[in-house]
Amino acid sequence: MIEKIKEKLKVLNFDAIKSSHFDEEMYNELKEIYEMVMKKQSFSPSEMQAIAEELGNLRKK
């Protein structure tokens, strides 16, 4: 899911985010983000920032 989100957003600074950075416990949260990203055709810069921040919040500590 992480790779598909990165592909859809086409943002270079997402290279630092890898699937291995997330626990299985975060699956439902990641799935929600994934589904939202896949439904939209385009994203504003503020939406991309919000998605990046949310993914950052879900990363393993």
N, C-alpha and C. Protein backbone atom coordinates (compact mmCIF):
# COMPACT_ATOMS: atom_id res chain seq x y z
N MET A 1 0.82 -1.20 0.00
CA MET A 1 0.00 0.00 0.00
C MET A 1 0.86 1.25 0.00
N ILE A 2 1.94 1.22 0.76
CA ILE A 2 2.82 2.39 0.84
C ILE A 2 3.36 2.74 -0.55
N GLU A 3 3.80 1.74 -1.28
CA GLU A 3 4.37 1.98 -2.61
C GLU A 3 3.32 2.57 -3.56
N LYS A 4 2.09 2.10 -3.48
CA LYS A 4 1.02 2.62 -4.33
C LYS A 4 0.69 4.07 -3.97
N ILE A 5 0.71 4.38 -2.68
CA ILE A 5 0.47 5.76 -2.24
C ILE A 5 1.56 6.66 -2.81
N LYS A 6 2.81 6.23 -2.70
CA LYS A 6 3.92 7.02 -3.20
C LYS A 6 3.82 7.21 -4.71
N GLU A 7 3.45 6.17 -5.44
CA GLU A 7 3.28 6.26 -6.89
C GLU A 7 2.21 7.27 -7.26
N LYS A 8 1.08 7.17 -6.58
CA LYS A 8 -0.06 8.03 -6.90
C LYS A 8 0.26 9.50 -6.62
N LEU A 9 0.96 9.76 -5.53
CA LEU A 9 1.27 11.14 -5.17
C LEU A 9 2.43 11.71 -5.96
N LYS A 10 3.31 10.84 -6.46
CA LYS A 10 4.46 11.27 -7.27
C LYS A 10 5.28 12.37 -6.59
N VAL A 11 5.60 12.12 -5.33
CA VAL A 11 6.36 13.11 -4.56
C VAL A 11 7.73 12.53 -4.24
N LEU A 12 8.78 13.27 -4.51
CA LEU A 12 10.13 12.78 -4.33
C LEU A 12 10.51 12.54 -2.88
N ASN A 13 10.05 13.39 -1.97
CA ASN A 13 10.47 13.24 -0.57
C ASN A 13 9.81 12.05 0.12
N PHE A 14 8.99 11.29 -0.58
CA PHE A 14 8.41 10.08 -0.02
C PHE A 14 9.39 8.92 -0.09
N ASP A 15 10.55 9.11 -0.70
CA ASP A 15 11.55 8.04 -0.79
C ASP A 15 11.99 7.55 0.58
N ALA A 16 11.91 8.39 1.56
CA ALA A 16 12.33 8.02 2.91
C ALA A 16 11.30 7.13 3.61
N ILE A 17 10.12 7.01 3.03
CA ILE A 17 9.07 6.20 3.65
C ILE A 17 9.05 4.84 2.98
N LYS A 18 9.25 3.81 3.78
CA LYS A 18 9.27 2.44 3.28
C LYS A 18 8.24 1.60 4.04
N SER A 19 7.78 0.56 3.39
CA SER A 19 6.79 -0.32 4.03
C SER A 19 7.29 -0.89 5.35
N SER A 20 8.58 -1.12 5.43
CA SER A 20 9.16 -1.70 6.65
C SER A 20 9.09 -0.75 7.85
N HIS A 21 8.77 0.51 7.61
CA HIS A 21 8.68 1.49 8.68
C HIS A 21 7.37 1.41 9.45
N PHE A 22 6.49 0.50 9.04
CA PHE A 22 5.16 0.45 9.64
C PHE A 22 4.89 -0.91 10.26
N ASP A 23 4.23 -0.89 11.42
CA ASP A 23 3.81 -2.10 12.10
C ASP A 23 2.50 -2.61 11.52
N GLU A 24 2.25 -3.89 11.71
CA GLU A 24 0.96 -4.46 11.30
C GLU A 24 -0.18 -3.82 12.07
N GLU A 25 0.12 -3.33 13.26
CA GLU A 25 -0.91 -2.67 14.08
C GLU A 25 -1.49 -1.44 13.39
N MET A 26 -0.73 -0.86 12.48
CA MET A 26 -1.16 0.35 11.78
C MET A 26 -1.90 0.05 10.48
N TYR A 27 -2.18 -1.22 10.22
CA TYR A 27 -2.78 -1.61 8.95
C TYR A 27 -4.07 -0.86 8.65
N ASN A 28 -4.97 -0.78 9.60
CA ASN A 28 -6.26 -0.12 9.34
C ASN A 28 -6.09 1.36 9.01
N GLU A 29 -5.20 2.04 9.71
CA GLU A 29 -4.94 3.44 9.43
C GLU A 29 -4.31 3.62 8.05
N LEU A 30 -3.36 2.75 7.72
CA LEU A 30 -2.74 2.81 6.40
C LEU A 30 -3.76 2.52 5.30
N LYS A 31 -4.63 1.57 5.55
CA LYS A 31 -5.64 1.22 4.56
C LYS A 31 -6.57 2.40 4.30
N GLU A 32 -6.94 3.13 5.35
CA GLU A 32 -7.80 4.30 5.17
C GLU A 32 -7.11 5.36 4.30
N ILE A 33 -5.84 5.61 4.58
CA ILE A 33 -5.09 6.58 3.78
C ILE A 33 -5.00 6.09 2.34
N TYR A 34 -4.67 4.81 2.17
CA TYR A 34 -4.56 4.23 0.84
C TYR A 34 -5.86 4.39 0.05
N GLU A 35 -6.98 4.05 0.66
CA GLU A 35 -8.27 4.15 -0.03
C GLU A 35 -8.60 5.58 -0.41
N MET A 36 -8.30 6.52 0.47
CA MET A 36 -8.56 7.92 0.17
C MET A 36 -7.68 8.40 -0.99
N VAL A 37 -6.42 8.02 -0.97
CA VAL A 37 -5.49 8.44 -2.02
C VAL A 37 -5.90 7.84 -3.37
N MET A 38 -6.30 6.60 -3.38
CA MET A 38 -6.66 5.94 -4.64
C MET A 38 -7.94 6.51 -5.25
N LYS A 39 -8.82 7.08 -4.44
CA LYS A 39 -10.08 7.63 -4.95
C LYS A 39 -9.90 8.97 -5.65
N LYS A 40 -8.88 9.72 -5.26
CA LYS A 40 -8.70 11.08 -5.79
C LYS A 40 -7.82 11.07 -7.04
N GLN A 41 -8.10 12.00 -7.94
CA GLN A 41 -7.30 12.13 -9.16
C GLN A 41 -6.09 13.03 -8.96
N SER A 42 -6.24 14.06 -8.13
CA SER A 42 -5.14 14.99 -7.91
C SER A 42 -5.19 15.49 -6.47
N PHE A 43 -4.07 16.08 -6.06
CA PHE A 43 -3.93 16.53 -4.68
C PHE A 43 -3.30 17.91 -4.65
N SER A 44 -3.80 18.74 -3.75
CA SER A 44 -3.18 20.05 -3.56
C SER A 44 -1.90 19.87 -2.75
N PRO A 45 -1.02 20.84 -2.79
CA PRO A 45 0.20 20.74 -1.96
C PRO A 45 -0.12 20.54 -0.48
N SER A 46 -1.16 21.20 0.01
CA SER A 46 -1.50 21.04 1.43
C SER A 46 -2.03 19.64 1.73
N GLU A 47 -2.75 19.04 0.78
CA GLU A 47 -3.22 17.66 0.96
C GLU A 47 -2.04 16.69 0.98
N MET A 48 -1.09 16.90 0.08
CA MET A 48 0.09 16.03 0.05
C MET A 48 0.88 16.16 1.35
N GLN A 49 0.99 17.38 1.86
CA GLN A 49 1.69 17.61 3.13
C GLN A 49 0.98 16.89 4.27
N ALA A 50 -0.34 16.98 4.29
CA ALA A 50 -1.12 16.33 5.34
C ALA A 50 -0.96 14.81 5.28
N ILE A 51 -0.96 14.25 4.09
CA ILE A 51 -0.77 12.80 3.93
C ILE A 51 0.62 12.40 4.41
N ALA A 52 1.62 13.17 4.02
CA ALA A 52 3.00 12.88 4.45
C ALA A 52 3.11 12.94 5.96
N GLU A 53 2.49 13.93 6.57
CA GLU A 53 2.53 14.06 8.03
C GLU A 53 1.84 12.88 8.70
N GLU A 54 0.70 12.48 8.16
CA GLU A 54 -0.04 11.36 8.75
C GLU A 54 0.76 10.06 8.62
N LEU A 55 1.39 9.83 7.48
CA LEU A 55 2.24 8.66 7.33
C LEU A 55 3.40 8.71 8.31
N GLY A 56 3.96 9.89 8.49
CA GLY A 56 5.04 10.06 9.45
C GLY A 56 4.59 9.73 10.87
N ASN A 57 3.36 10.11 11.20
CA ASN A 57 2.82 9.82 12.54
C ASN A 57 2.61 8.33 12.76
N LEU A 58 2.37 7.59 11.69
CA LEU A 58 2.09 6.16 11.79
C LEU A 58 3.36 5.30 11.81
N ARG A 59 4.50 5.91 11.49
CA ARG A 59 5.75 5.14 11.45
C ARG A 59 6.10 4.56 12.81
N LYS A 60 6.83 3.44 12.76
CA LYS A 60 7.33 2.82 14.00
C LYS A 60 8.15 3.83 14.76
N LYS A 61 8.07 3.79 16.06
CA LYS A 61 8.85 4.72 16.89
C LYS A 61 10.19 4.12 17.19
